[in-house]
Amino acid sequence: MADSVDSEYDVSDIESTSKAPRGEQSQALSHRKQKFRDEWPTIKEFKNWLEPVPENHLKAYCCYCRLQMVSELTTIKKHMRSLKHITSAKSITGMKTGLFSTTTAIRKDDEAIKRAELKICGFIAEHNMARFTWTRVHARQFFARI
């Protein structure tokens, strides 16, 4: 019974139809190289880390990992999901977030201080007050309104 199965299918016929001759590439298997597109860095997923390589329009550069790669969308997405990129992104974005959050808090305090100083200066100028009078009499009334 095993002979009947082997006689129905010729192994050499299957191999010759599925592969191109060695050293030659068939038209169906050809792959067109993809150029880096200017809209990729504007995509939300790639926004802060993907840049083109200036000398080679067929390559992309990851700023987090300091790595050049082929500029194919599938390769870029695969790199984005890689462990190396994820750990690099966490360390870089975590560091930036910590720095920026403290400076914005300081800036908010600075703005509040500037506003209070301007209100005090405006009040003193409007009422034409001397420094001594301001500190003794009107300071409590002014701060009660603020």
N, C-alpha and C. Protein backbone atom coordinates (compact mmCIF):
# COMPACT_ATOMS: atom_id res chain seq x y z
N MET A 1 0.81 -1.19 0.00
CA MET A 1 0.00 0.00 0.00
C MET A 1 0.86 1.27 0.00
N ALA A 2 1.99 1.23 0.66
CA ALA A 2 2.90 2.36 0.66
C ALA A 2 3.43 2.65 -0.73
N ASP A 3 3.59 1.61 -1.55
CA ASP A 3 4.08 1.81 -2.92
C ASP A 3 3.07 2.55 -3.76
N SER A 4 1.76 2.34 -3.50
CA SER A 4 0.75 3.01 -4.31
C SER A 4 0.71 4.52 -4.03
N VAL A 5 0.98 4.92 -2.80
CA VAL A 5 1.01 6.34 -2.47
C VAL A 5 2.22 7.01 -3.11
N ASP A 6 3.37 6.34 -3.05
CA ASP A 6 4.58 6.90 -3.64
C ASP A 6 4.47 7.00 -5.16
N SER A 7 3.78 6.06 -5.76
CA SER A 7 3.68 6.08 -7.22
C SER A 7 2.74 7.17 -7.72
N GLU A 8 1.79 7.59 -6.90
CA GLU A 8 0.87 8.64 -7.32
C GLU A 8 1.54 10.01 -7.37
N TYR A 9 2.43 10.28 -6.45
CA TYR A 9 3.10 11.58 -6.37
C TYR A 9 4.57 11.42 -6.66
N ASP A 10 5.05 12.18 -7.56
CA ASP A 10 6.47 12.15 -7.88
C ASP A 10 7.14 13.32 -7.15
N VAL A 11 8.10 13.02 -6.31
CA VAL A 11 8.75 14.02 -5.47
C VAL A 11 9.49 15.04 -6.32
N SER A 12 10.07 14.66 -7.39
CA SER A 12 10.81 15.60 -8.24
C SER A 12 9.90 16.64 -8.87
N ASP A 13 8.63 16.27 -9.16
CA ASP A 13 7.68 17.23 -9.73
C ASP A 13 7.34 18.33 -8.72
N ILE A 14 7.18 17.97 -7.47
CA ILE A 14 6.83 18.93 -6.42
C ILE A 14 7.97 19.92 -6.20
N GLU A 15 9.21 19.44 -6.14
CA GLU A 15 10.36 20.30 -5.89
C GLU A 15 10.59 21.26 -7.05
N SER A 16 10.40 20.81 -8.26
CA SER A 16 10.69 21.66 -9.41
C SER A 16 9.67 22.79 -9.56
N THR A 17 8.44 22.59 -9.12
CA THR A 17 7.43 23.63 -9.27
C THR A 17 7.46 24.64 -8.13
N SER A 18 7.98 24.30 -6.96
CA SER A 18 7.90 25.20 -5.81
C SER A 18 9.10 26.12 -5.66
N LYS A 19 10.24 25.80 -6.26
CA LYS A 19 11.44 26.61 -6.05
C LYS A 19 11.95 27.16 -7.37
N ALA A 20 12.55 28.33 -7.29
CA ALA A 20 13.24 28.91 -8.44
C ALA A 20 14.62 28.29 -8.52
N PRO A 21 15.24 28.28 -9.67
CA PRO A 21 16.60 27.74 -9.78
C PRO A 21 17.56 28.49 -8.87
N ARG A 22 18.57 27.79 -8.40
CA ARG A 22 19.51 28.37 -7.46
C ARG A 22 20.24 29.55 -8.10
N GLY A 23 20.34 30.65 -7.34
CA GLY A 23 21.02 31.84 -7.83
C GLY A 23 20.10 32.79 -8.58
N GLU A 24 18.91 32.36 -8.91
CA GLU A 24 17.96 33.21 -9.61
C GLU A 24 16.76 33.45 -8.70
N GLN A 25 16.18 34.60 -8.83
CA GLN A 25 15.03 34.93 -8.01
C GLN A 25 13.82 35.10 -8.91
N SER A 26 12.73 34.47 -8.51
CA SER A 26 11.52 34.58 -9.32
C SER A 26 10.86 35.93 -9.10
N GLN A 27 9.99 36.34 -9.99
CA GLN A 27 9.30 37.62 -9.88
C GLN A 27 8.36 37.65 -8.68
N ALA A 28 7.78 36.52 -8.32
CA ALA A 28 6.84 36.48 -7.22
C ALA A 28 7.52 36.72 -5.88
N LEU A 29 8.77 36.36 -5.75
CA LEU A 29 9.48 36.49 -4.48
C LEU A 29 10.26 37.79 -4.35
N SER A 30 10.29 38.63 -5.36
CA SER A 30 11.08 39.85 -5.29
C SER A 30 10.49 40.80 -4.24
N HIS A 31 11.38 41.54 -3.60
CA HIS A 31 10.97 42.45 -2.53
C HIS A 31 11.47 43.85 -2.87
N ARG A 32 10.58 44.80 -2.90
CA ARG A 32 10.96 46.17 -3.19
C ARG A 32 11.36 46.87 -1.90
N LYS A 33 12.50 47.52 -1.90
CA LYS A 33 12.97 48.22 -0.71
C LYS A 33 12.12 49.45 -0.47
N GLN A 34 11.83 49.71 0.80
CA GLN A 34 10.94 50.81 1.15
C GLN A 34 11.76 51.99 1.64
N LYS A 35 11.44 53.16 1.15
CA LYS A 35 12.11 54.39 1.59
C LYS A 35 11.44 54.91 2.86
N PHE A 36 12.22 55.66 3.63
CA PHE A 36 11.69 56.28 4.84
C PHE A 36 10.69 57.36 4.44
N ARG A 37 9.54 57.35 5.07
CA ARG A 37 8.50 58.34 4.75
C ARG A 37 8.47 59.45 5.80
N ASP A 38 8.26 60.66 5.33
CA ASP A 38 8.27 61.82 6.23
C ASP A 38 7.11 61.81 7.22
N GLU A 39 6.03 61.11 6.92
CA GLU A 39 4.88 61.11 7.84
C GLU A 39 5.06 60.12 9.00
N TRP A 40 6.03 59.22 8.93
CA TRP A 40 6.21 58.25 10.01
C TRP A 40 6.56 58.90 11.35
N PRO A 41 7.47 59.87 11.43
CA PRO A 41 7.76 60.48 12.73
C PRO A 41 6.58 61.22 13.34
N THR A 42 5.56 61.54 12.55
CA THR A 42 4.39 62.23 13.09
C THR A 42 3.35 61.28 13.65
N ILE A 43 3.50 59.98 13.39
CA ILE A 43 2.57 58.99 13.93
C ILE A 43 2.79 58.91 15.44
N LYS A 44 1.72 58.80 16.19
CA LYS A 44 1.77 58.84 17.65
C LYS A 44 2.74 57.80 18.22
N GLU A 45 2.74 56.59 17.67
CA GLU A 45 3.59 55.52 18.19
C GLU A 45 5.08 55.79 17.96
N PHE A 46 5.42 56.52 16.90
CA PHE A 46 6.82 56.74 16.54
C PHE A 46 7.30 58.16 16.83
N LYS A 47 6.47 58.98 17.39
CA LYS A 47 6.69 60.43 17.43
C LYS A 47 8.02 60.85 18.06
N ASN A 48 8.39 60.34 19.19
CA ASN A 48 9.55 60.86 19.92
C ASN A 48 10.85 60.14 19.63
N TRP A 49 10.81 59.02 18.93
CA TRP A 49 12.03 58.24 18.82
C TRP A 49 12.46 57.89 17.40
N LEU A 50 11.62 58.02 16.41
CA LEU A 50 11.97 57.61 15.05
C LEU A 50 12.42 58.80 14.21
N GLU A 51 13.58 58.66 13.57
CA GLU A 51 14.11 59.70 12.69
C GLU A 51 14.69 59.06 11.44
N PRO A 52 14.75 59.81 10.34
CA PRO A 52 15.40 59.28 9.14
C PRO A 52 16.92 59.36 9.28
N VAL A 53 17.62 58.49 8.57
CA VAL A 53 19.08 58.58 8.50
C VAL A 53 19.39 59.52 7.34
N PRO A 54 20.12 60.61 7.58
CA PRO A 54 20.31 61.62 6.54
C PRO A 54 21.01 61.10 5.28
N GLU A 55 22.00 60.25 5.43
CA GLU A 55 22.78 59.79 4.29
C GLU A 55 22.09 58.66 3.52
N ASN A 56 21.17 57.95 4.16
CA ASN A 56 20.58 56.76 3.55
C ASN A 56 19.07 56.80 3.71
N HIS A 57 18.34 56.99 2.63
CA HIS A 57 16.88 57.09 2.70
C HIS A 57 16.21 55.72 2.85
N LEU A 58 17.00 54.65 2.86
CA LEU A 58 16.45 53.31 3.06
C LEU A 58 16.58 52.85 4.51
N LYS A 59 17.08 53.72 5.38
CA LYS A 59 17.29 53.38 6.79
C LYS A 59 16.53 54.32 7.71
N ALA A 60 16.20 53.82 8.91
CA ALA A 60 15.56 54.61 9.95
C ALA A 60 16.44 54.54 11.20
N TYR A 61 16.29 55.52 12.09
CA TYR A 61 17.13 55.60 13.28
C TYR A 61 16.25 55.69 14.52
N CYS A 62 16.53 54.85 15.51
CA CYS A 62 15.83 54.90 16.80
C CYS A 62 16.68 55.73 17.76
N CYS A 63 16.14 56.85 18.21
CA CYS A 63 16.88 57.74 19.12
C CYS A 63 17.04 57.13 20.51
N TYR A 64 16.09 56.32 20.93
CA TYR A 64 16.16 55.70 22.26
C TYR A 64 17.26 54.65 22.32
N CYS A 65 17.32 53.78 21.31
CA CYS A 65 18.27 52.66 21.31
C CYS A 65 19.57 53.00 20.59
N ARG A 66 19.60 54.14 19.90
CA ARG A 66 20.74 54.53 19.07
C ARG A 66 21.07 53.43 18.07
N LEU A 67 20.07 53.09 17.27
CA LEU A 67 20.17 51.96 16.37
C LEU A 67 19.62 52.32 15.00
N GLN A 68 20.36 51.93 13.96
CA GLN A 68 19.86 52.09 12.59
C GLN A 68 19.22 50.79 12.16
N MET A 69 18.11 50.90 11.42
CA MET A 69 17.41 49.72 10.93
C MET A 69 16.88 49.99 9.53
N VAL A 70 16.48 48.93 8.86
CA VAL A 70 15.88 49.07 7.54
C VAL A 70 14.56 49.80 7.70
N SER A 71 14.30 50.72 6.81
CA SER A 71 13.10 51.55 6.96
C SER A 71 11.87 50.90 6.33
N GLU A 72 11.53 49.74 6.82
CA GLU A 72 10.29 49.08 6.44
C GLU A 72 9.36 49.16 7.64
N LEU A 73 8.12 49.40 7.38
CA LEU A 73 7.17 49.62 8.47
C LEU A 73 7.08 48.41 9.39
N THR A 74 7.13 47.21 8.83
CA THR A 74 7.07 46.01 9.68
C THR A 74 8.30 45.91 10.57
N THR A 75 9.47 46.25 10.04
CA THR A 75 10.69 46.22 10.83
C THR A 75 10.64 47.25 11.95
N ILE A 76 10.14 48.42 11.66
CA ILE A 76 10.04 49.48 12.67
C ILE A 76 9.06 49.08 13.77
N LYS A 77 7.93 48.50 13.39
CA LYS A 77 6.95 48.06 14.39
C LYS A 77 7.51 46.92 15.23
N LYS A 78 8.26 46.02 14.60
CA LYS A 78 8.87 44.91 15.33
C LYS A 78 9.89 45.44 16.33
N HIS A 79 10.67 46.44 15.92
CA HIS A 79 11.64 47.05 16.83
C HIS A 79 10.94 47.74 18.00
N MET A 80 9.80 48.38 17.71
CA MET A 80 9.05 49.08 18.75
C MET A 80 8.58 48.11 19.84
N ARG A 81 8.30 46.86 19.47
CA ARG A 81 7.85 45.86 20.44
C ARG A 81 8.99 45.08 21.07
N SER A 82 10.23 45.33 20.66
CA SER A 82 11.36 44.58 21.19
C SER A 82 11.66 44.98 22.64
N LEU A 83 12.26 44.07 23.36
CA LEU A 83 12.58 44.30 24.78
C LEU A 83 13.59 45.44 24.94
N LYS A 84 14.57 45.49 24.06
CA LYS A 84 15.59 46.54 24.14
C LYS A 84 14.95 47.92 24.01
N HIS A 85 14.06 48.08 23.05
CA HIS A 85 13.42 49.38 22.83
C HIS A 85 12.51 49.74 24.00
N ILE A 86 11.77 48.78 24.50
CA ILE A 86 10.84 49.05 25.60
C ILE A 86 11.60 49.51 26.84
N THR A 87 12.71 48.84 27.17
CA THR A 87 13.47 49.24 28.36
C THR A 87 14.15 50.60 28.14
N SER A 88 14.65 50.84 26.94
CA SER A 88 15.26 52.15 26.65
C SER A 88 14.22 53.26 26.73
N ALA A 89 13.04 53.00 26.20
CA ALA A 89 11.98 54.01 26.22
C ALA A 89 11.54 54.32 27.64
N LYS A 90 11.43 53.29 28.47
CA LYS A 90 11.03 53.51 29.87
C LYS A 90 12.06 54.35 30.61
N SER A 91 13.34 54.05 30.41
CA SER A 91 14.36 54.79 31.13
C SER A 91 14.44 56.25 30.66
N ILE A 92 14.30 56.46 29.36
CA ILE A 92 14.39 57.83 28.84
C ILE A 92 13.14 58.64 29.16
N THR A 93 11.97 58.09 28.92
CA THR A 93 10.74 58.84 29.18
C THR A 93 10.52 59.04 30.66
N GLY A 94 10.91 58.09 31.49
CA GLY A 94 10.78 58.24 32.93
C GLY A 94 11.65 59.37 33.44
N MET A 95 12.85 59.46 32.89
CA MET A 95 13.77 60.51 33.29
C MET A 95 13.24 61.88 32.86
N LYS A 96 12.74 61.99 31.65
CA LYS A 96 12.23 63.27 31.16
C LYS A 96 11.00 63.70 31.93
N THR A 97 10.13 62.78 32.23
CA THR A 97 8.91 63.11 32.94
C THR A 97 9.23 63.67 34.32
N GLY A 98 10.19 63.08 35.01
CA GLY A 98 10.57 63.57 36.33
C GLY A 98 11.12 64.98 36.28
N LEU A 99 11.93 65.27 35.28
CA LEU A 99 12.51 66.61 35.17
C LEU A 99 11.46 67.65 34.84
N PHE A 100 10.59 67.35 33.90
CA PHE A 100 9.61 68.33 33.46
C PHE A 100 8.53 68.57 34.51
N SER A 101 8.16 67.56 35.26
CA SER A 101 7.09 67.74 36.24
C SER A 101 7.52 68.69 37.35
N THR A 102 8.78 68.65 37.75
CA THR A 102 9.24 69.56 38.80
C THR A 102 9.35 70.99 38.28
N THR A 103 9.77 71.16 37.04
CA THR A 103 9.91 72.52 36.52
C THR A 103 8.55 73.16 36.30
N THR A 104 7.55 72.38 35.90
CA THR A 104 6.22 72.98 35.72
C THR A 104 5.63 73.38 37.06
N ALA A 105 5.89 72.62 38.11
CA ALA A 105 5.39 73.00 39.43
C ALA A 105 6.06 74.29 39.90
N ILE A 106 7.34 74.42 39.64
CA ILE A 106 8.05 75.64 40.00
C ILE A 106 7.51 76.82 39.20
N ARG A 107 7.25 76.61 37.93
CA ARG A 107 6.72 77.68 37.09
C ARG A 107 5.35 78.14 37.57
N LYS A 108 4.50 77.22 38.00
CA LYS A 108 3.19 77.61 38.50
C LYS A 108 3.33 78.46 39.77
N ASP A 109 4.25 78.08 40.65
CA ASP A 109 4.50 78.88 41.85
C ASP A 109 5.05 80.25 41.49
N ASP A 110 5.95 80.31 40.52
CA ASP A 110 6.51 81.59 40.08
C ASP A 110 5.42 82.51 39.54
N GLU A 111 4.50 81.96 38.76
CA GLU A 111 3.41 82.76 38.22
C GLU A 111 2.52 83.31 39.34
N ALA A 112 2.24 82.49 40.35
CA ALA A 112 1.42 82.94 41.47
C ALA A 112 2.12 84.06 42.24
N ILE A 113 3.42 83.92 42.43
CA ILE A 113 4.19 84.96 43.13
C ILE A 113 4.19 86.26 42.34
N LYS A 114 4.38 86.16 41.03
CA LYS A 114 4.38 87.36 40.18
C LYS A 114 3.03 88.08 40.25
N ARG A 115 1.96 87.33 40.20
CA ARG A 115 0.63 87.94 40.26
C ARG A 115 0.40 88.64 41.59
N ALA A 116 0.81 88.00 42.69
CA ALA A 116 0.63 88.61 44.01
C ALA A 116 1.45 89.90 44.13
N GLU A 117 2.69 89.87 43.63
CA GLU A 117 3.52 91.07 43.68
C GLU A 117 2.92 92.21 42.86
N LEU A 118 2.39 91.88 41.69
CA LEU A 118 1.76 92.91 40.86
C LEU A 118 0.52 93.50 41.53
N LYS A 119 -0.26 92.66 42.19
CA LYS A 119 -1.45 93.16 42.88
C LYS A 119 -1.06 94.09 44.03
N ILE A 120 -0.03 93.70 44.77
CA ILE A 120 0.43 94.53 45.88
C ILE A 120 0.95 95.87 45.37
N CYS A 121 1.77 95.82 44.32
CA CYS A 121 2.32 97.07 43.75
C CYS A 121 1.21 97.96 43.20
N GLY A 122 0.24 97.36 42.57
CA GLY A 122 -0.89 98.13 42.05
C GLY A 122 -1.69 98.78 43.16
N PHE A 123 -1.91 98.06 44.26
CA PHE A 123 -2.66 98.59 45.40
C PHE A 123 -1.91 99.77 46.03
N ILE A 124 -0.59 99.60 46.21
CA ILE A 124 0.21 100.66 46.82
C ILE A 124 0.22 101.90 45.92
N ALA A 125 0.38 101.70 44.61
CA ALA A 125 0.42 102.83 43.68
C ALA A 125 -0.94 103.52 43.60
N GLU A 126 -2.02 102.75 43.63
CA GLU A 126 -3.36 103.32 43.53
C GLU A 126 -3.69 104.20 44.73
N HIS A 127 -3.29 103.77 45.91
CA HIS A 127 -3.61 104.51 47.12
C HIS A 127 -2.49 105.46 47.55
N ASN A 128 -1.41 105.53 46.78
CA ASN A 128 -0.30 106.44 47.03
C ASN A 128 0.19 106.33 48.47
N MET A 129 0.54 105.14 48.87
CA MET A 129 0.91 104.85 50.26
C MET A 129 2.42 104.84 50.46
N ALA A 130 2.82 105.21 51.65
CA ALA A 130 4.21 105.08 52.05
C ALA A 130 4.44 103.65 52.53
N ARG A 131 5.69 103.25 52.57
CA ARG A 131 6.01 101.88 52.96
C ARG A 131 5.58 101.60 54.40
N PHE A 132 5.82 102.53 55.28
CA PHE A 132 5.48 102.34 56.69
C PHE A 132 3.97 102.17 56.86
N THR A 133 3.20 102.98 56.21
CA THR A 133 1.74 102.90 56.32
C THR A 133 1.25 101.56 55.79
N TRP A 134 1.83 101.14 54.69
CA TRP A 134 1.41 99.87 54.07
C TRP A 134 1.63 98.70 55.02
N THR A 135 2.80 98.64 55.64
CA THR A 135 3.11 97.50 56.48
C THR A 135 2.29 97.48 57.75
N ARG A 136 1.88 98.61 58.28
CA ARG A 136 1.16 98.65 59.55
C ARG A 136 -0.35 98.52 59.39
N VAL A 137 -0.94 99.22 58.47
CA VAL A 137 -2.39 99.37 58.46
C VAL A 137 -3.06 98.50 57.40
N HIS A 138 -2.66 98.63 56.18
CA HIS A 138 -3.43 98.09 55.07
C HIS A 138 -3.08 96.65 54.66
N ALA A 139 -1.99 96.15 55.16
CA ALA A 139 -1.57 94.82 54.72
C ALA A 139 -2.60 93.76 55.08
N ARG A 140 -3.14 93.82 56.28
CA ARG A 140 -4.13 92.82 56.70
C ARG A 140 -5.40 92.91 55.86
N GLN A 141 -5.84 94.12 55.56
CA GLN A 141 -7.04 94.29 54.74
C GLN A 141 -6.82 93.77 53.32
N PHE A 142 -5.64 94.06 52.77
CA PHE A 142 -5.35 93.64 51.40
C PHE A 142 -5.31 92.12 51.30
N PHE A 143 -4.61 91.47 52.22
CA PHE A 143 -4.49 90.01 52.15
C PHE A 143 -5.79 89.31 52.47
N ALA A 144 -6.68 89.97 53.17
CA ALA A 144 -8.00 89.39 53.43
C ALA A 144 -8.81 89.30 52.14
N ARG A 145 -8.63 90.25 51.22
CA ARG A 145 -9.35 90.25 49.94
C ARG A 145 -8.79 89.23 48.96
N ILE A 146 -7.52 88.92 49.04
CA ILE A 146 -6.90 87.98 48.10
C ILE A 146 -7.25 86.59 48.52
